[in-house]
């Protein structure tokens, strides 16, 4: 079963996202800080990582995940509350593949996951 690491300060937001993604066939793993995210990433080796852009150190986390050995093909999504160009470009420069708007809903997540060509069958 493919897995997704959801990195968000809000446990409620992570839980909602995880519930939706589990309906798509993904195992959801949650982390509330960048440090916890790195530990969980190393332990669980998820297929996709979703990082909240408002999290302290979010861009650095994306950069660090991208620099780890064998992670060039890792799918990293940056979640944003508004689609301002500055935030979107900063996430892209840090190494994010795509962005997803919060609050999460089934339609938005389905659209992003179909764009990045990640499927539960992977």
PDB file of N, CA and C in Angstrom:
ATOM      1  N   UNK A   1       0.847  -1.176   0.000  1.00  0.00           N
ATOM      2  CA  UNK A   1       0.000   0.000   0.000  1.00  0.00           C
ATOM      3  C   UNK A   1       0.893   1.240   0.000  1.00  0.00           C
ATOM      4  N   UNK A   2       0.702   2.149  -0.949  1.00  0.00           N
ATOM      5  CA  UNK A   2       1.508   3.373  -0.965  1.00  0.00           C
ATOM      6  C   UNK A   2       1.182   4.234   0.256  1.00  0.00           C
ATOM      7  N   UNK A   3       2.167   5.020   0.674  1.00  0.00           N
ATOM      8  CA  UNK A   3       1.974   5.832   1.877  1.00  0.00           C
ATOM      9  C   UNK A   3       2.252   7.304   1.616  1.00  0.00           C
ATOM     10  N   UNK A   4       1.620   8.134   2.455  1.00  0.00           N
ATOM     11  CA  UNK A   4       1.764   9.582   2.375  1.00  0.00           C
ATOM     12  C   UNK A   4       2.100  10.100   3.767  1.00  0.00           C
ATOM     13  N   UNK A   5       3.171  10.879   3.859  1.00  0.00           N
ATOM     14  CA  UNK A   5       3.525  11.556   5.100  1.00  0.00           C
ATOM     15  C   UNK A   5       2.916  12.949   5.046  1.00  0.00           C
ATOM     16  N   UNK A   6       2.040  13.254   6.008  1.00  0.00           N
ATOM     17  CA  UNK A   6       1.374  14.549   6.076  1.00  0.00           C
ATOM     18  C   UNK A   6       2.022  15.336   7.203  1.00  0.00           C
ATOM     19  N   UNK A   7       2.653  16.458   6.853  1.00  0.00           N
ATOM     20  CA  UNK A   7       3.364  17.266   7.838  1.00  0.00           C
ATOM     21  C   UNK A   7       2.589  18.564   8.022  1.00  0.00           C
ATOM     22  N   UNK A   8       1.912  18.679   9.163  1.00  0.00           N
ATOM     23  CA  UNK A   8       1.063  19.837   9.434  1.00  0.00           C
ATOM     24  C   UNK A   8       0.988  20.037  10.935  1.00  0.00           C
ATOM     25  N   UNK A   9       1.014  21.287  11.378  1.00  0.00           N
ATOM     26  CA  UNK A   9       0.930  21.594  12.809  1.00  0.00           C
ATOM     27  C   UNK A   9      -0.410  21.186  13.398  1.00  0.00           C
ATOM     28  N   UNK A  10      -1.432  21.186  12.594  1.00  0.00           N
ATOM     29  CA  UNK A  10      -2.777  20.880  13.069  1.00  0.00           C
ATOM     30  C   UNK A  10      -3.078  19.388  12.920  1.00  0.00           C
ATOM     31  N   UNK A  11      -3.272  18.738  14.056  1.00  0.00           N
ATOM     32  CA  UNK A  11      -3.612  17.316  14.013  1.00  0.00           C
ATOM     33  C   UNK A  11      -4.954  17.102  13.322  1.00  0.00           C
ATOM     34  N   UNK A  12      -5.878  18.045  13.481  1.00  0.00           N
ATOM     35  CA  UNK A  12      -7.194  17.928  12.849  1.00  0.00           C
ATOM     36  C   UNK A  12      -7.062  17.963  11.330  1.00  0.00           C
ATOM     37  N   UNK A  13      -6.248  18.870  10.823  1.00  0.00           N
ATOM     38  CA  UNK A  13      -6.033  18.974   9.375  1.00  0.00           C
ATOM     39  C   UNK A  13      -5.381  17.695   8.856  1.00  0.00           C
ATOM     40  N   UNK A  14      -4.377  17.210   9.567  1.00  0.00           N
ATOM     41  CA  UNK A  14      -3.701  15.973   9.162  1.00  0.00           C
ATOM     42  C   UNK A  14      -4.660  14.799   9.154  1.00  0.00           C
ATOM     43  N   UNK A  15      -5.505  14.752  10.158  1.00  0.00           N
ATOM     44  CA  UNK A  15      -6.453  13.641  10.270  1.00  0.00           C
ATOM     45  C   UNK A  15      -7.454  13.657   9.106  1.00  0.00           C
ATOM     46  N   UNK A  16      -7.968  14.835   8.762  1.00  0.00           N
ATOM     47  CA  UNK A  16      -8.910  14.947   7.647  1.00  0.00           C
ATOM     48  C   UNK A  16      -8.233  14.538   6.343  1.00  0.00           C
ATOM     49  N   UNK A  17      -7.040  15.055   6.114  1.00  0.00           N
ATOM     50  CA  UNK A  17      -6.293  14.702   4.903  1.00  0.00           C
ATOM     51  C   UNK A  17      -6.030  13.205   4.868  1.00  0.00           C
ATOM     52  N   UNK A  18      -5.602  12.658   5.985  1.00  0.00           N
ATOM     53  CA  UNK A  18      -5.317  11.226   6.063  1.00  0.00           C
ATOM     54  C   UNK A  18      -6.536  10.373   5.795  1.00  0.00           C
ATOM     55  N   UNK A  19      -7.672  10.794   6.306  1.00  0.00           N
ATOM     56  CA  UNK A  19      -8.917  10.051   6.088  1.00  0.00           C
ATOM     57  C   UNK A  19      -9.279  10.042   4.599  1.00  0.00           C
ATOM     58  N   UNK A  20      -9.167  11.188   3.960  1.00  0.00           N
ATOM     59  CA  UNK A  20      -9.468  11.265   2.528  1.00  0.00           C
ATOM     60  C   UNK A  20      -8.505  10.389   1.732  1.00  0.00           C
ATOM     61  N   UNK A  21      -7.214  10.496   2.034  1.00  0.00           N
ATOM     62  CA  UNK A  21      -6.219   9.719   1.296  1.00  0.00           C
ATOM     63  C   UNK A  21      -6.372   8.217   1.542  1.00  0.00           C
ATOM     64  N   UNK A  22      -6.817   7.841   2.722  1.00  0.00           N
ATOM     65  CA  UNK A  22      -7.041   6.411   2.975  1.00  0.00           C
ATOM     66  C   UNK A  22      -8.180   5.881   2.098  1.00  0.00           C
ATOM     67  N   UNK A  23      -9.151   6.731   1.795  1.00  0.00           N
ATOM     68  CA  UNK A  23     -10.230   6.348   0.880  1.00  0.00           C
ATOM     69  C   UNK A  23      -9.691   6.124  -0.539  1.00  0.00           C
ATOM     70  N   UNK A  24      -8.572   6.778  -0.860  1.00  0.00           N
ATOM     71  CA  UNK A  24      -7.927   6.603  -2.164  1.00  0.00           C
ATOM     72  C   UNK A  24      -6.969   5.411  -2.164  1.00  0.00           C
ATOM     73  N   UNK A  25      -6.808   4.745  -1.012  1.00  0.00           N
ATOM     74  CA  UNK A  25      -5.949   3.570  -0.939  1.00  0.00           C
ATOM     75  C   UNK A  25      -4.555   3.830  -0.411  1.00  0.00           C
ATOM     76  N   UNK A  26      -4.338   4.963   0.257  1.00  0.00           N
ATOM     77  CA  UNK A  26      -3.030   5.300   0.807  1.00  0.00           C
ATOM     78  C   UNK A  26      -3.006   5.104   2.310  1.00  0.00           C
ATOM     79  N   UNK A  27      -1.846   4.755   2.827  1.00  0.00           N
ATOM     80  CA  UNK A  27      -1.614   4.719   4.258  1.00  0.00           C
ATOM     81  C   UNK A  27      -1.135   6.109   4.657  1.00  0.00           C
ATOM     82  N   UNK A  28      -1.828   6.754   5.582  1.00  0.00           N
ATOM     83  CA  UNK A  28      -1.458   8.100   6.013  1.00  0.00           C
ATOM     84  C   UNK A  28      -0.582   8.036   7.253  1.00  0.00           C
ATOM     85  N   UNK A  29       0.506   8.790   7.201  1.00  0.00           N
ATOM     86  CA  UNK A  29       1.443   8.916   8.323  1.00  0.00           C
ATOM     87  C   UNK A  29       1.474  10.402   8.665  1.00  0.00           C
ATOM     88  N   UNK A  30       1.400  10.740   9.940  1.00  0.00           N
ATOM     89  CA  UNK A  30       1.322  12.140  10.335  1.00  0.00           C
ATOM     90  C   UNK A  30       2.539  12.578  11.130  1.00  0.00           C
ATOM     91  N   UNK A  31       2.903  13.863  10.931  1.00  0.00           N
ATOM     92  CA  UNK A  31       3.963  14.493  11.713  1.00  0.00           C
ATOM     93  C   UNK A  31       3.565  15.949  11.938  1.00  0.00           C
ATOM     94  N   UNK A  32       3.873  16.487  13.123  1.00  0.00           N
ATOM     95  CA  UNK A  32       3.472  17.868  13.422  1.00  0.00           C
ATOM     96  C   UNK A  32       4.634  18.861  13.418  1.00  0.00           C
ATOM     97  N   UNK A  33       5.848  18.380  13.149  1.00  0.00           N
ATOM     98  CA  UNK A  33       7.009  19.281  13.102  1.00  0.00           C
ATOM     99  C   UNK A  33       7.983  18.783  12.036  1.00  0.00           C
ATOM    100  N   UNK A  34       8.908  19.644  11.668  1.00  0.00           N
ATOM    101  CA  UNK A  34       9.892  19.247  10.666  1.00  0.00           C
ATOM    102  C   UNK A  34      10.806  18.154  11.200  1.00  0.00           C
ATOM    103  N   UNK A  35      11.160  18.236  12.472  1.00  0.00           N
ATOM    104  CA  UNK A  35      12.017  17.203  13.069  1.00  0.00           C
ATOM    105  C   UNK A  35      11.304  15.855  13.079  1.00  0.00           C
ATOM    106  N   UNK A  36      10.055  15.851  13.533  1.00  0.00           N
ATOM    107  CA  UNK A  36       9.291  14.611  13.528  1.00  0.00           C
ATOM    108  C   UNK A  36       9.125  14.084  12.104  1.00  0.00           C
ATOM    109  N   UNK A  37       8.955  14.991  11.152  1.00  0.00           N
ATOM    110  CA  UNK A  37       8.793  14.577   9.752  1.00  0.00           C
ATOM    111  C   UNK A  37      10.032  13.860   9.242  1.00  0.00           C
ATOM    112  N   UNK A  38      11.210  14.379   9.556  1.00  0.00           N
ATOM    113  CA  UNK A  38      12.442  13.725   9.108  1.00  0.00           C
ATOM    114  C   UNK A  38      12.591  12.341   9.726  1.00  0.00           C
ATOM    115  N   UNK A  39      12.255  12.226  11.005  1.00  0.00           N
ATOM    116  CA  UNK A  39      12.336  10.930  11.689  1.00  0.00           C
ATOM    117  C   UNK A  39      11.348   9.949  11.064  1.00  0.00           C
ATOM    118  N   UNK A  40      10.108  10.388  10.879  1.00  0.00           N
ATOM    119  CA  UNK A  40       9.079   9.514  10.291  1.00  0.00           C
ATOM    120  C   UNK A  40       9.432   9.148   8.852  1.00  0.00           C
ATOM    121  N   UNK A  41      10.000  10.109   8.122  1.00  0.00           N
ATOM    122  CA  UNK A  41      10.381   9.834   6.735  1.00  0.00           C
ATOM    123  C   UNK A  41      11.426   8.726   6.680  1.00  0.00           C
ATOM    124  N   UNK A  42      12.445   8.842   7.509  1.00  0.00           N
ATOM    125  CA  UNK A  42      13.511   7.843   7.524  1.00  0.00           C
ATOM    126  C   UNK A  42      12.980   6.464   7.931  1.00  0.00           C
ATOM    127  N   UNK A  43      12.043   6.434   8.880  1.00  0.00           N
ATOM    128  CA  UNK A  43      11.511   5.172   9.375  1.00  0.00           C
ATOM    129  C   UNK A  43      10.519   4.532   8.413  1.00  0.00           C
ATOM    130  N   UNK A  44       9.664   5.344   7.796  1.00  0.00           N
ATOM    131  CA  UNK A  44       8.546   4.813   7.014  1.00  0.00           C
ATOM    132  C   UNK A  44       8.729   4.865   5.497  1.00  0.00           C
ATOM    133  N   UNK A  45       9.668   5.661   5.003  1.00  0.00           N
ATOM    134  CA  UNK A  45       9.933   5.781   3.560  1.00  0.00           C
ATOM    135  C   UNK A  45       8.640   5.953   2.743  1.00  0.00           C
ATOM    136  N   UNK A  46       7.884   7.034   2.993  1.00  0.00           N
ATOM    137  CA  UNK A  46       6.629   7.231   2.271  1.00  0.00           C
ATOM    138  C   UNK A  46       6.859   7.508   0.785  1.00  0.00           C
ATOM    139  N   UNK A  47       5.810   7.301   0.007  1.00  0.00           N
ATOM    140  CA  UNK A  47       5.860   7.551  -1.433  1.00  0.00           C
ATOM    141  C   UNK A  47       5.626   9.021  -1.762  1.00  0.00           C
ATOM    142  N   UNK A  48       4.862   9.693  -0.910  1.00  0.00           N
ATOM    143  CA  UNK A  48       4.499  11.102  -1.106  1.00  0.00           C
ATOM    144  C   UNK A  48       4.620  11.807   0.238  1.00  0.00           C
ATOM    145  N   UNK A  49       5.042  13.074   0.200  1.00  0.00           N
ATOM    146  CA  UNK A  49       5.090  13.904   1.407  1.00  0.00           C
ATOM    147  C   UNK A  49       4.306  15.175   1.117  1.00  0.00           C
ATOM    148  N   UNK A  50       3.411  15.537   2.041  1.00  0.00           N
ATOM    149  CA  UNK A  50       2.673  16.797   1.954  1.00  0.00           C
ATOM    150  C   UNK A  50       3.152  17.668   3.103  1.00  0.00           C
ATOM    151  N   UNK A  51       3.702  18.847   2.778  1.00  0.00           N
ATOM    152  CA  UNK A  51       4.270  19.742   3.786  1.00  0.00           C
ATOM    153  C   UNK A  51       3.466  21.036   3.823  1.00  0.00           C
ATOM    154  N   UNK A  52       2.995  21.418   5.003  1.00  0.00           N
ATOM    155  CA  UNK A  52       2.268  22.669   5.192  1.00  0.00           C
ATOM    156  C   UNK A  52       3.241  23.836   5.034  1.00  0.00           C
ATOM    157  N   UNK A  53       2.941  24.750   4.118  1.00  0.00           N
ATOM    158  CA  UNK A  53       3.841  25.869   3.847  1.00  0.00           C
ATOM    159  C   UNK A  53       3.983  26.816   5.028  1.00  0.00           C
ATOM    160  N   UNK A  54       3.012  26.837   5.943  1.00  0.00           N
ATOM    161  CA  UNK A  54       3.095  27.749   7.082  1.00  0.00           C
ATOM    162  C   UNK A  54       3.870  27.156   8.257  1.00  0.00           C
ATOM    163  N   UNK A  55       4.303  25.934   8.141  1.00  0.00           N
ATOM    164  CA  UNK A  55       5.088  25.274   9.176  1.00  0.00           C
ATOM    165  C   UNK A  55       6.477  25.906   9.241  1.00  0.00           C
ATOM    166  N   UNK A  56       6.962  26.187  10.451  1.00  0.00           N
ATOM    167  CA  UNK A  56       8.328  26.713  10.594  1.00  0.00           C
ATOM    168  C   UNK A  56       9.309  25.725   9.970  1.00  0.00           C
ATOM    169  N   UNK A  57      10.110  26.197   9.036  1.00  0.00           N
ATOM    170  CA  UNK A  57      11.104  25.352   8.394  1.00  0.00           C
ATOM    171  C   UNK A  57      10.561  24.501   7.257  1.00  0.00           C
ATOM    172  N   UNK A  58       9.377  24.835   6.751  1.00  0.00           N
ATOM    173  CA  UNK A  58       8.751  24.034   5.687  1.00  0.00           C
ATOM    174  C   UNK A  58       9.633  23.945   4.436  1.00  0.00           C
ATOM    175  N   UNK A  59      10.146  25.076   3.978  1.00  0.00           N
ATOM    176  CA  UNK A  59      10.966  25.064   2.755  1.00  0.00           C
ATOM    177  C   UNK A  59      12.267  24.301   2.974  1.00  0.00           C
ATOM    178  N   UNK A  60      12.853  24.454   4.159  1.00  0.00           N
ATOM    179  CA  UNK A  60      14.077  23.730   4.471  1.00  0.00           C
ATOM    180  C   UNK A  60      13.813  22.222   4.533  1.00  0.00           C
ATOM    181  N   UNK A  61      12.661  21.842   5.065  1.00  0.00           N
ATOM    182  CA  UNK A  61      12.296  20.429   5.097  1.00  0.00           C
ATOM    183  C   UNK A  61      12.192  19.880   3.680  1.00  0.00           C
ATOM    184  N   UNK A  62      11.523  20.607   2.812  1.00  0.00           N
ATOM    185  CA  UNK A  62      11.402  20.167   1.417  1.00  0.00           C
ATOM    186  C   UNK A  62      12.780  20.015   0.787  1.00  0.00           C
ATOM    187  N   UNK A  63      13.646  21.019   0.992  1.00  0.00           N
ATOM    188  CA  UNK A  63      15.011  20.947   0.446  1.00  0.00           C
ATOM    189  C   UNK A  63      15.761  19.744   1.001  1.00  0.00           C
ATOM    190  N   UNK A  64      15.662  19.519   2.317  1.00  0.00           N
ATOM    191  CA  UNK A  64      16.374  18.400   2.949  1.00  0.00           C
ATOM    192  C   UNK A  64      15.868  17.057   2.448  1.00  0.00           C
ATOM    193  N   UNK A  65      14.553  16.920   2.303  1.00  0.00           N
ATOM    194  CA  UNK A  65      14.010  15.671   1.781  1.00  0.00           C
ATOM    195  C   UNK A  65      14.486  15.427   0.353  1.00  0.00           C
ATOM    196  N   UNK A  66      14.520  16.478  -0.427  1.00  0.00           N
ATOM    197  CA  UNK A  66      14.938  16.353  -1.828  1.00  0.00           C
ATOM    198  C   UNK A  66      16.414  15.975  -1.925  1.00  0.00           C
ATOM    199  N   UNK A  67      17.231  16.405  -0.964  1.00  0.00           N
ATOM    200  CA  UNK A  67      18.667  16.136  -1.019  1.00  0.00           C
ATOM    201  C   UNK A  67      19.064  14.766  -0.496  1.00  0.00           C
ATOM    202  N   UNK A  68      18.147  14.090   0.213  1.00  0.00           N
ATOM    203  CA  UNK A  68      18.486  12.763   0.728  1.00  0.00           C
ATOM    204  C   UNK A  68      18.760  11.821  -0.434  1.00  0.00           C
ATOM    205  N   UNK A  69      19.667  10.866  -0.256  1.00  0.00           N
ATOM    206  CA  UNK A  69      19.995   9.941  -1.345  1.00  0.00           C
ATOM    207  C   UNK A  69      18.753   9.213  -1.871  1.00  0.00           C
ATOM    208  N   UNK A  70      18.701   9.059  -3.173  1.00  0.00           N
ATOM    209  CA  UNK A  70      17.628   8.328  -3.864  1.00  0.00           C
ATOM    210  C   UNK A  70      16.250   8.970  -3.729  1.00  0.00           C
ATOM    211  N   UNK A  71      16.188  10.269  -3.459  1.00  0.00           N
ATOM    212  CA  UNK A  71      14.891  10.927  -3.306  1.00  0.00           C
ATOM    213  C   UNK A  71      14.560  11.895  -4.438  1.00  0.00           C
ATOM    214  N   UNK A  72      15.280  11.817  -5.529  1.00  0.00           N
ATOM    215  CA  UNK A  72      14.974  12.714  -6.646  1.00  0.00           C
ATOM    216  C   UNK A  72      13.599  12.417  -7.233  1.00  0.00           C
ATOM    217  N   UNK A  73      13.131  11.186  -7.128  1.00  0.00           N
ATOM    218  CA  UNK A  73      11.822  10.844  -7.678  1.00  0.00           C
ATOM    219  C   UNK A  73      10.706  10.919  -6.628  1.00  0.00           C
ATOM    220  N   UNK A  74      11.035  11.260  -5.394  1.00  0.00           N
ATOM    221  CA  UNK A  74      10.034  11.411  -4.340  1.00  0.00           C
ATOM    222  C   UNK A  74       9.055  12.514  -4.726  1.00  0.00           C
ATOM    223  N   UNK A  75       7.767  12.278  -4.517  1.00  0.00           N
ATOM    224  CA  UNK A  75       6.768  13.298  -4.776  1.00  0.00           C
ATOM    225  C   UNK A  75       6.553  14.106  -3.508  1.00  0.00           C
ATOM    226  N   UNK A  76       6.800  15.418  -3.604  1.00  0.00           N
ATOM    227  CA  UNK A  76       6.625  16.322  -2.475  1.00  0.00           C
ATOM    228  C   UNK A  76       5.591  17.372  -2.871  1.00  0.00           C
ATOM    229  N   UNK A  77       4.549  17.488  -2.057  1.00  0.00           N
ATOM    230  CA  UNK A  77       3.516  18.492  -2.269  1.00  0.00           C
ATOM    231  C   UNK A  77       3.601  19.515  -1.150  1.00  0.00           C
ATOM    232  N   UNK A  78       3.361  20.757  -1.485  1.00  0.00           N
ATOM    233  CA  UNK A  78       3.348  21.824  -0.494  1.00  0.00           C
ATOM    234  C   UNK A  78       1.903  22.295  -0.358  1.00  0.00           C
ATOM    235  N   UNK A  79       1.357  22.245   0.853  1.00  0.00           N
ATOM    236  CA  UNK A  79      -0.021  22.690   1.055  1.00  0.00           C
ATOM    237  C   UNK A  79      -0.019  24.172   1.434  1.00  0.00           C
ATOM    238  N   UNK A  80      -0.915  24.910   0.810  1.00  0.00           N
ATOM    239  CA  UNK A  80      -1.006  26.358   1.004  1.00  0.00           C
ATOM    240  C   UNK A  80      -2.458  26.747   1.281  1.00  0.00           C
ATOM    241  N   UNK A  81      -2.630  27.840   2.016  1.00  0.00           N
ATOM    242  CA  UNK A  81      -3.986  28.318   2.289  1.00  0.00           C
ATOM    243  C   UNK A  81      -4.458  29.292   1.228  1.00  0.00           C
ATOM    244  N   UNK A  82      -3.515  29.900   0.509  1.00  0.00           N
ATOM    245  CA  UNK A  82      -3.875  30.746  -0.626  1.00  0.00           C
ATOM    246  C   UNK A  82      -2.791  30.596  -1.690  1.00  0.00           C
ATOM    247  N   UNK A  83      -3.197  30.709  -2.911  1.00  0.00           N
ATOM    248  CA  UNK A  83      -2.292  30.440  -4.028  1.00  0.00           C
ATOM    249  C   UNK A  83      -1.583  31.718  -4.484  1.00  0.00           C
ATOM    250  N   UNK A  84      -0.744  32.272  -3.598  1.00  0.00           N
ATOM    251  CA  UNK A  84      -0.001  33.451  -4.027  1.00  0.00           C
ATOM    252  C   UNK A  84       1.294  33.016  -4.714  1.00  0.00           C
ATOM    253  N   UNK A  85       1.665  33.732  -5.737  1.00  0.00           N
ATOM    254  CA  UNK A  85       2.791  33.362  -6.590  1.00  0.00           C
ATOM    255  C   UNK A  85       4.096  33.222  -5.815  1.00  0.00           C
ATOM    256  N   UNK A  86       4.342  34.088  -4.863  1.00  0.00           N
ATOM    257  CA  UNK A  86       5.595  34.046  -4.100  1.00  0.00           C
ATOM    258  C   UNK A  86       5.744  32.707  -3.365  1.00  0.00           C
ATOM    259  N   UNK A  87       4.690  32.279  -2.684  1.00  0.00           N
ATOM    260  CA  UNK A  87       4.726  31.010  -1.943  1.00  0.00           C
ATOM    261  C   UNK A  87       4.865  29.832  -2.894  1.00  0.00           C
ATOM    262  N   UNK A  88       4.109  29.861  -3.988  1.00  0.00           N
ATOM    263  CA  UNK A  88       4.170  28.768  -4.962  1.00  0.00           C
ATOM    264  C   UNK A  88       5.566  28.634  -5.563  1.00  0.00           C
ATOM    265  N   UNK A  89       6.167  29.741  -5.921  1.00  0.00           N
ATOM    266  CA  UNK A  89       7.512  29.710  -6.516  1.00  0.00           C
ATOM    267  C   UNK A  89       8.561  29.281  -5.499  1.00  0.00           C
ATOM    268  N   UNK A  90       8.437  29.731  -4.261  1.00  0.00           N
ATOM    269  CA  UNK A  90       9.393  29.332  -3.216  1.00  0.00           C
ATOM    270  C   UNK A  90       9.323  27.825  -2.984  1.00  0.00           C
ATOM    271  N   UNK A  91       8.120  27.273  -2.968  1.00  0.00           N
ATOM    272  CA  UNK A  91       7.959  25.831  -2.785  1.00  0.00           C
ATOM    273  C   UNK A  91       8.567  25.080  -3.955  1.00  0.00           C
ATOM    274  N   UNK A  92       8.347  25.558  -5.150  1.00  0.00           N
ATOM    275  CA  UNK A  92       8.891  24.913  -6.350  1.00  0.00           C
ATOM    276  C   UNK A  92      10.430  24.956  -6.321  1.00  0.00           C
ATOM    277  N   UNK A  93      10.986  26.117  -5.973  1.00  0.00           N
ATOM    278  CA  UNK A  93      12.458  26.238  -5.896  1.00  0.00           C
ATOM    279  C   UNK A  93      13.039  25.310  -4.830  1.00  0.00           C
ATOM    280  N   UNK A  94      12.304  25.096  -3.745  1.00  0.00           N
ATOM    281  CA  UNK A  94      12.785  24.227  -2.665  1.00  0.00           C
ATOM    282  C   UNK A  94      12.766  22.763  -3.074  1.00  0.00           C
ATOM    283  N   UNK A  95      11.947  22.442  -4.082  1.00  0.00           N
ATOM    284  CA  UNK A  95      11.915  21.058  -4.552  1.00  0.00           C
ATOM    285  C   UNK A  95      10.546  20.412  -4.573  1.00  0.00           C
ATOM    286  N   UNK A  96       9.504  21.168  -4.264  1.00  0.00           N
ATOM    287  CA  UNK A  96       8.147  20.600  -4.292  1.00  0.00           C
ATOM    288  C   UNK A  96       7.730  20.333  -5.738  1.00  0.00           C
ATOM    289  N   UNK A  97       7.037  19.215  -5.937  1.00  0.00           N
ATOM    290  CA  UNK A  97       6.530  18.880  -7.266  1.00  0.00           C
ATOM    291  C   UNK A  97       5.278  19.664  -7.615  1.00  0.00           C
ATOM    292  N   UNK A  98       4.457  19.942  -6.600  1.00  0.00           N
ATOM    293  CA  UNK A  98       3.169  20.572  -6.838  1.00  0.00           C
ATOM    294  C   UNK A  98       2.680  21.161  -5.527  1.00  0.00           C
ATOM    295  N   UNK A  99       1.570  21.879  -5.593  1.00  0.00           N
ATOM    296  CA  UNK A  99       0.940  22.428  -4.398  1.00  0.00           C
ATOM    297  C   UNK A  99      -0.507  21.950  -4.327  1.00  0.00           C
ATOM    298  N   UNK A 100      -1.048  22.002  -3.129  1.00  0.00           N
ATOM    299  CA  UNK A 100      -2.449  21.653  -2.909  1.00  0.00           C
ATOM    300  C   UNK A 100      -3.028  22.686  -1.942  1.00  0.00           C
ATOM    301  N   UNK A 101      -4.224  23.155  -2.258  1.00  0.00           N
ATOM    302  CA  UNK A 101      -4.868  24.157  -1.418  1.00  0.00           C
ATOM    303  C   UNK A 101      -5.534  23.537  -0.202  1.00  0.00           C
ATOM    304  N   UNK A 102      -5.416  24.241   0.916  1.00  0.00           N
ATOM    305  CA  UNK A 102      -6.104  23.868   2.136  1.00  0.00           C
ATOM    306  C   UNK A 102      -7.269  24.821   2.306  1.00  0.00           C
ATOM    307  N   UNK A 103      -8.358  24.453   2.926  1.00  0.00           N
ATOM    308  CA  UNK A 103      -8.565  23.167   3.569  1.00  0.00           C
ATOM    309  C   UNK A 103      -8.723  22.055   2.546  1.00  0.00           C
ATOM    310  N   UNK A 104      -8.271  20.860   2.930  1.00  0.00           N
ATOM    311  CA  UNK A 104      -8.303  19.713   2.034  1.00  0.00           C
ATOM    312  C   UNK A 104      -9.736  19.242   1.810  1.00  0.00           C
ATOM    313  N   UNK A 105     -10.002  18.846   0.586  1.00  0.00           N
ATOM    314  CA  UNK A 105     -11.257  18.159   0.293  1.00  0.00           C
ATOM    315  C   UNK A 105     -10.961  17.068  -0.728  1.00  0.00           C
ATOM    316  N   UNK A 106     -11.883  16.150  -0.885  1.00  0.00           N
ATOM    317  CA  UNK A 106     -11.679  15.006  -1.784  1.00  0.00           C
ATOM    318  C   UNK A 106     -11.354  15.436  -3.211  1.00  0.00           C
ATOM    319  N   UNK A 107     -12.100  16.392  -3.712  1.00  0.00           N
ATOM    320  CA  UNK A 107     -11.923  16.821  -5.096  1.00  0.00           C
ATOM    321  C   UNK A 107     -10.522  17.407  -5.327  1.00  0.00           C
ATOM    322  N   UNK A 108     -10.092  18.291  -4.430  1.00  0.00           N
ATOM    323  CA  UNK A 108      -8.777  18.916  -4.585  1.00  0.00           C
ATOM    324  C   UNK A 108      -7.653  17.890  -4.499  1.00  0.00           C
ATOM    325  N   UNK A 109      -7.749  16.991  -3.517  1.00  0.00           N
ATOM    326  CA  UNK A 109      -6.716  15.967  -3.380  1.00  0.00           C
ATOM    327  C   UNK A 109      -6.723  15.005  -4.564  1.00  0.00           C
ATOM    328  N   UNK A 110      -7.897  14.631  -5.034  1.00  0.00           N
ATOM    329  CA  UNK A 110      -7.983  13.733  -6.192  1.00  0.00           C
ATOM    330  C   UNK A 110      -7.357  14.387  -7.418  1.00  0.00           C
ATOM    331  N   UNK A 111      -7.615  15.671  -7.592  1.00  0.00           N
ATOM    332  CA  UNK A 111      -7.054  16.391  -8.741  1.00  0.00           C
ATOM    333  C   UNK A 111      -5.527  16.432  -8.681  1.00  0.00           C
ATOM    334  N   UNK A 112      -4.990  16.767  -7.522  1.00  0.00           N
ATOM    335  CA  UNK A 112      -3.532  16.849  -7.380  1.00  0.00           C
ATOM    336  C   UNK A 112      -2.902  15.477  -7.546  1.00  0.00           C
ATOM    337  N   UNK A 113      -3.472  14.461  -6.916  1.00  0.00           N
ATOM    338  CA  UNK A 113      -2.887  13.132  -7.015  1.00  0.00           C
ATOM    339  C   UNK A 113      -2.990  12.579  -8.434  1.00  0.00           C
ATOM    340  N   UNK A 114      -4.013  12.942  -9.173  1.00  0.00           N
ATOM    341  CA  UNK A 114      -4.085  12.495 -10.566  1.00  0.00           C
ATOM    342  C   UNK A 114      -3.053  13.240 -11.416  1.00  0.00           C
ATOM    343  N   UNK A 115      -2.784  14.504 -11.087  1.00  0.00           N
ATOM    344  CA  UNK A 115      -1.771  15.276 -11.822  1.00  0.00           C
ATOM    345  C   UNK A 115      -0.376  14.716 -11.608  1.00  0.00           C
ATOM    346  N   UNK A 116      -0.099  14.267 -10.420  1.00  0.00           N
ATOM    347  CA  UNK A 116       1.261  13.767 -10.158  1.00  0.00           C
ATOM    348  C   UNK A 116       1.388  12.300 -10.488  1.00  0.00           C
ATOM    349  N   UNK A 117       0.308  11.736 -11.003  1.00  0.00           N
ATOM    350  CA  UNK A 117       0.324  10.337 -11.488  1.00  0.00           C
ATOM    351  C   UNK A 117       0.668   9.353 -10.393  1.00  0.00           C
ATOM    352  N   UNK A 118       0.187   9.580  -9.195  1.00  0.00           N
ATOM    353  CA  UNK A 118       0.369   8.639  -8.103  1.00  0.00           C
ATOM    354  C   UNK A 118      -0.946   7.897  -7.961  1.00  0.00           C
ATOM    355  N   UNK A 119      -0.876   6.579  -7.922  1.00  0.00           N
ATOM    356  CA  UNK A 119      -2.101   5.816  -7.755  1.00  0.00           C
ATOM    357  C   UNK A 119      -1.929   4.799  -6.647  1.00  0.00           C
ATOM    358  N   UNK A 120      -3.022   4.365  -6.110  1.00  0.00           N
ATOM    359  CA  UNK A 120      -2.990   3.371  -5.041  1.00  0.00           C
ATOM    360  C   UNK A 120      -2.434   2.049  -5.529  1.00  0.00           C
ATOM    361  N   UNK A 121      -2.410   1.853  -6.839  1.00  0.00           N
ATOM    362  CA  UNK A 121      -1.880   0.614  -7.400  1.00  0.00           C
ATOM    363  C   UNK A 121      -0.364   0.641  -7.518  1.00  0.00           C
ATOM    364  N   UNK A 122       0.238   1.791  -7.271  1.00  0.00           N
ATOM    365  CA  UNK A 122       1.697   1.931  -7.435  1.00  0.00           C
ATOM    366  C   UNK A 122       2.449   1.138  -6.399  1.00  0.00           C
TER     367      UNK A 122
END
